[in-house]
């Protein structure tokens, strides 16, 4: 999934604020499920929710304003 980096995503140094990566990951997870025909909304209405109990990231290179990053999701 491609995500364009907007000004609002960045800190005063012009790089993506670290916590924003988690929102990108969640968006990619939701898109992955949608692509597989799984409705997150329908699951939630049935009482089935996905809870992230642990998240960890190693930052290899900063993403900057105006760039496009690629998030890959797999199971």
N, C-alpha and C. Protein backbone atom coordinates (compact mmCIF):
# COMPACT_ATOMS: atom_id res chain seq x y z
N UNK A 1 0.84 -1.16 0.00
CA UNK A 1 0.00 0.00 0.00
C UNK A 1 0.89 1.23 0.00
N UNK A 2 0.59 2.16 -0.87
CA UNK A 2 1.36 3.40 -0.91
C UNK A 2 0.71 4.46 -0.03
N UNK A 3 1.53 5.17 0.71
CA UNK A 3 1.06 6.25 1.56
C UNK A 3 1.90 7.48 1.28
N UNK A 4 1.24 8.54 0.88
CA UNK A 4 1.93 9.81 0.63
C UNK A 4 2.11 10.53 1.96
N UNK A 5 3.29 11.08 2.16
CA UNK A 5 3.59 11.79 3.40
C UNK A 5 3.19 13.25 3.24
N UNK A 6 2.28 13.67 4.10
CA UNK A 6 1.81 15.06 4.10
C UNK A 6 2.51 15.85 5.18
N UNK A 7 2.43 17.16 5.07
CA UNK A 7 3.07 18.04 6.05
C UNK A 7 2.59 17.73 7.46
N UNK A 8 1.30 17.43 7.61
CA UNK A 8 0.74 17.16 8.93
C UNK A 8 1.33 15.91 9.58
N UNK A 9 1.95 15.04 8.79
CA UNK A 9 2.55 13.80 9.31
C UNK A 9 3.93 14.02 9.90
N UNK A 10 4.50 15.18 9.66
CA UNK A 10 5.90 15.39 10.01
C UNK A 10 6.08 16.22 11.27
N UNK A 11 7.30 16.14 11.80
CA UNK A 11 7.66 16.96 12.95
C UNK A 11 8.39 18.21 12.47
N UNK A 12 8.93 18.97 13.39
CA UNK A 12 9.59 20.23 13.00
C UNK A 12 10.84 20.00 12.16
N UNK A 13 11.36 18.77 12.15
CA UNK A 13 12.52 18.45 11.33
C UNK A 13 12.15 18.01 9.92
N UNK A 14 10.85 17.94 9.63
CA UNK A 14 10.40 17.57 8.29
C UNK A 14 10.35 16.08 8.04
N UNK A 15 10.52 15.27 9.09
CA UNK A 15 10.42 13.82 8.95
C UNK A 15 9.15 13.33 9.65
N UNK A 16 8.70 12.16 9.26
CA UNK A 16 7.47 11.62 9.85
C UNK A 16 7.65 11.44 11.35
N UNK A 17 6.69 11.98 12.09
CA UNK A 17 6.66 11.81 13.55
C UNK A 17 6.51 10.32 13.83
N UNK A 18 7.32 9.80 14.73
CA UNK A 18 7.44 8.35 14.91
C UNK A 18 6.11 7.63 15.14
N UNK A 19 5.21 8.21 15.91
CA UNK A 19 3.94 7.54 16.22
C UNK A 19 3.03 7.42 15.00
N UNK A 20 3.23 8.25 14.00
CA UNK A 20 2.38 8.18 12.81
C UNK A 20 2.55 6.88 12.05
N UNK A 21 3.70 6.24 12.19
CA UNK A 21 3.89 4.96 11.51
C UNK A 21 2.85 3.94 11.97
N UNK A 22 2.47 3.99 13.24
CA UNK A 22 1.47 3.06 13.75
C UNK A 22 0.12 3.27 13.07
N UNK A 23 -0.23 4.52 12.78
CA UNK A 23 -1.49 4.76 12.07
C UNK A 23 -1.39 4.24 10.63
N UNK A 24 -0.22 4.36 10.03
CA UNK A 24 -0.03 3.82 8.68
C UNK A 24 -0.19 2.29 8.70
N UNK A 25 0.39 1.65 9.73
CA UNK A 25 0.30 0.19 9.82
C UNK A 25 -1.15 -0.25 9.99
N UNK A 26 -1.90 0.48 10.81
CA UNK A 26 -3.31 0.14 11.01
C UNK A 26 -4.11 0.32 9.72
N UNK A 27 -3.83 1.38 9.00
CA UNK A 27 -4.51 1.62 7.73
C UNK A 27 -4.21 0.48 6.75
N UNK A 28 -2.95 0.06 6.69
CA UNK A 28 -2.56 -1.03 5.79
C UNK A 28 -3.22 -2.34 6.20
N UNK A 29 -3.32 -2.58 7.49
CA UNK A 29 -3.98 -3.81 7.97
C UNK A 29 -5.46 -3.81 7.56
N UNK A 30 -6.12 -2.69 7.73
CA UNK A 30 -7.53 -2.59 7.36
C UNK A 30 -7.71 -2.77 5.85
N UNK A 31 -6.84 -2.18 5.06
CA UNK A 31 -6.91 -2.34 3.60
C UNK A 31 -6.66 -3.78 3.19
N UNK A 32 -5.71 -4.45 3.86
CA UNK A 32 -5.42 -5.84 3.57
C UNK A 32 -6.66 -6.69 3.81
N UNK A 33 -7.32 -6.46 4.95
CA UNK A 33 -8.52 -7.23 5.28
C UNK A 33 -9.63 -6.95 4.27
N UNK A 34 -9.80 -5.69 3.89
CA UNK A 34 -10.81 -5.32 2.91
C UNK A 34 -10.54 -6.00 1.57
N UNK A 35 -9.27 -6.03 1.16
CA UNK A 35 -8.90 -6.69 -0.10
C UNK A 35 -9.21 -8.19 -0.07
N UNK A 36 -9.20 -8.78 1.13
CA UNK A 36 -9.50 -10.21 1.30
C UNK A 36 -11.00 -10.46 1.49
N UNK A 37 -11.80 -9.38 1.41
CA UNK A 37 -13.24 -9.52 1.56
C UNK A 37 -13.72 -9.54 3.00
N UNK A 38 -12.86 -9.13 3.91
CA UNK A 38 -13.20 -9.11 5.34
C UNK A 38 -13.61 -7.70 5.72
N UNK A 39 -14.82 -7.55 6.22
CA UNK A 39 -15.32 -6.24 6.62
C UNK A 39 -15.02 -6.01 8.09
N UNK A 40 -14.15 -5.07 8.38
CA UNK A 40 -13.82 -4.73 9.76
C UNK A 40 -15.08 -4.22 10.48
N UNK A 41 -15.89 -3.46 9.77
CA UNK A 41 -17.12 -2.93 10.35
C UNK A 41 -18.06 -4.06 10.75
N UNK A 42 -18.25 -5.02 9.86
CA UNK A 42 -19.14 -6.15 10.16
C UNK A 42 -18.61 -6.98 11.33
N UNK A 43 -17.32 -7.19 11.36
CA UNK A 43 -16.73 -7.94 12.48
C UNK A 43 -16.97 -7.21 13.80
N UNK A 44 -16.78 -5.90 13.80
CA UNK A 44 -16.98 -5.11 15.02
C UNK A 44 -18.43 -5.17 15.47
N UNK A 45 -19.36 -5.11 14.52
CA UNK A 45 -20.78 -5.19 14.86
C UNK A 45 -21.15 -6.54 15.46
N UNK A 46 -20.38 -7.58 15.12
CA UNK A 46 -20.61 -8.92 15.67
C UNK A 46 -19.84 -9.14 16.97
N UNK A 47 -19.08 -8.13 17.38
CA UNK A 47 -18.32 -8.24 18.63
C UNK A 47 -16.93 -8.81 18.46
N UNK A 48 -16.49 -8.97 17.23
CA UNK A 48 -15.15 -9.47 16.96
C UNK A 48 -14.24 -8.28 16.69
N UNK A 49 -13.29 -8.09 17.57
CA UNK A 49 -12.37 -6.96 17.44
C UNK A 49 -10.93 -7.47 17.46
N UNK A 50 -10.07 -6.75 16.79
CA UNK A 50 -8.65 -7.07 16.79
C UNK A 50 -7.95 -6.05 17.68
N UNK A 51 -7.26 -6.54 18.67
CA UNK A 51 -6.57 -5.67 19.61
C UNK A 51 -5.07 -5.85 19.42
N UNK A 52 -4.37 -4.77 19.22
CA UNK A 52 -2.91 -4.83 19.12
C UNK A 52 -2.37 -4.82 20.55
N UNK A 53 -1.74 -5.90 20.94
CA UNK A 53 -1.22 -5.99 22.30
C UNK A 53 0.26 -5.61 22.38
N UNK A 54 0.91 -5.58 21.23
CA UNK A 54 2.33 -5.21 21.21
C UNK A 54 2.67 -4.68 19.82
N UNK A 55 3.40 -3.61 19.78
CA UNK A 55 3.89 -3.07 18.51
C UNK A 55 5.33 -2.62 18.72
N UNK A 56 6.15 -2.91 17.75
CA UNK A 56 7.57 -2.56 17.84
C UNK A 56 8.05 -2.18 16.45
N UNK A 57 8.90 -1.20 16.38
CA UNK A 57 9.40 -0.76 15.07
C UNK A 57 10.88 -0.41 15.17
N UNK A 58 11.60 -0.78 14.15
CA UNK A 58 12.99 -0.36 13.98
C UNK A 58 13.01 0.63 12.83
N UNK A 59 13.48 1.81 13.09
CA UNK A 59 13.50 2.86 12.07
C UNK A 59 14.82 2.81 11.32
N UNK A 60 14.75 2.48 10.04
CA UNK A 60 15.94 2.32 9.21
C UNK A 60 16.32 3.61 8.50
N UNK A 61 15.31 4.36 8.08
CA UNK A 61 15.54 5.58 7.31
C UNK A 61 14.31 6.47 7.47
N UNK A 62 14.51 7.77 7.62
CA UNK A 62 13.35 8.65 7.83
C UNK A 62 12.53 8.85 6.56
N UNK A 63 11.23 8.90 6.73
CA UNK A 63 10.34 9.28 5.63
C UNK A 63 10.11 10.78 5.77
N UNK A 64 10.09 11.47 4.65
CA UNK A 64 10.03 12.93 4.67
C UNK A 64 8.81 13.45 3.93
N UNK A 65 8.46 14.68 4.25
CA UNK A 65 7.34 15.37 3.61
C UNK A 65 7.46 15.28 2.09
N UNK A 66 6.36 14.92 1.43
CA UNK A 66 6.32 14.84 -0.02
C UNK A 66 6.67 13.48 -0.59
N UNK A 67 7.26 12.62 0.22
CA UNK A 67 7.62 11.29 -0.26
C UNK A 67 6.41 10.36 -0.22
N UNK A 68 6.54 9.24 -0.89
CA UNK A 68 5.55 8.17 -0.82
C UNK A 68 6.26 6.94 -0.28
N UNK A 69 5.65 6.34 0.74
CA UNK A 69 6.23 5.12 1.31
C UNK A 69 5.32 3.94 0.96
N UNK A 70 5.88 2.75 1.04
CA UNK A 70 5.12 1.54 0.76
C UNK A 70 5.05 0.71 2.03
N UNK A 71 3.82 0.35 2.41
CA UNK A 71 3.59 -0.52 3.57
C UNK A 71 3.17 -1.87 3.02
N UNK A 72 3.87 -2.93 3.41
CA UNK A 72 3.52 -4.28 2.99
C UNK A 72 2.92 -5.02 4.18
N UNK A 73 1.81 -5.70 3.94
CA UNK A 73 1.11 -6.44 4.99
C UNK A 73 0.99 -7.89 4.56
N UNK A 74 1.23 -8.79 5.51
CA UNK A 74 1.09 -10.22 5.21
C UNK A 74 0.66 -10.97 6.45
N UNK A 75 0.15 -12.16 6.23
CA UNK A 75 -0.26 -13.02 7.33
C UNK A 75 0.35 -14.38 7.11
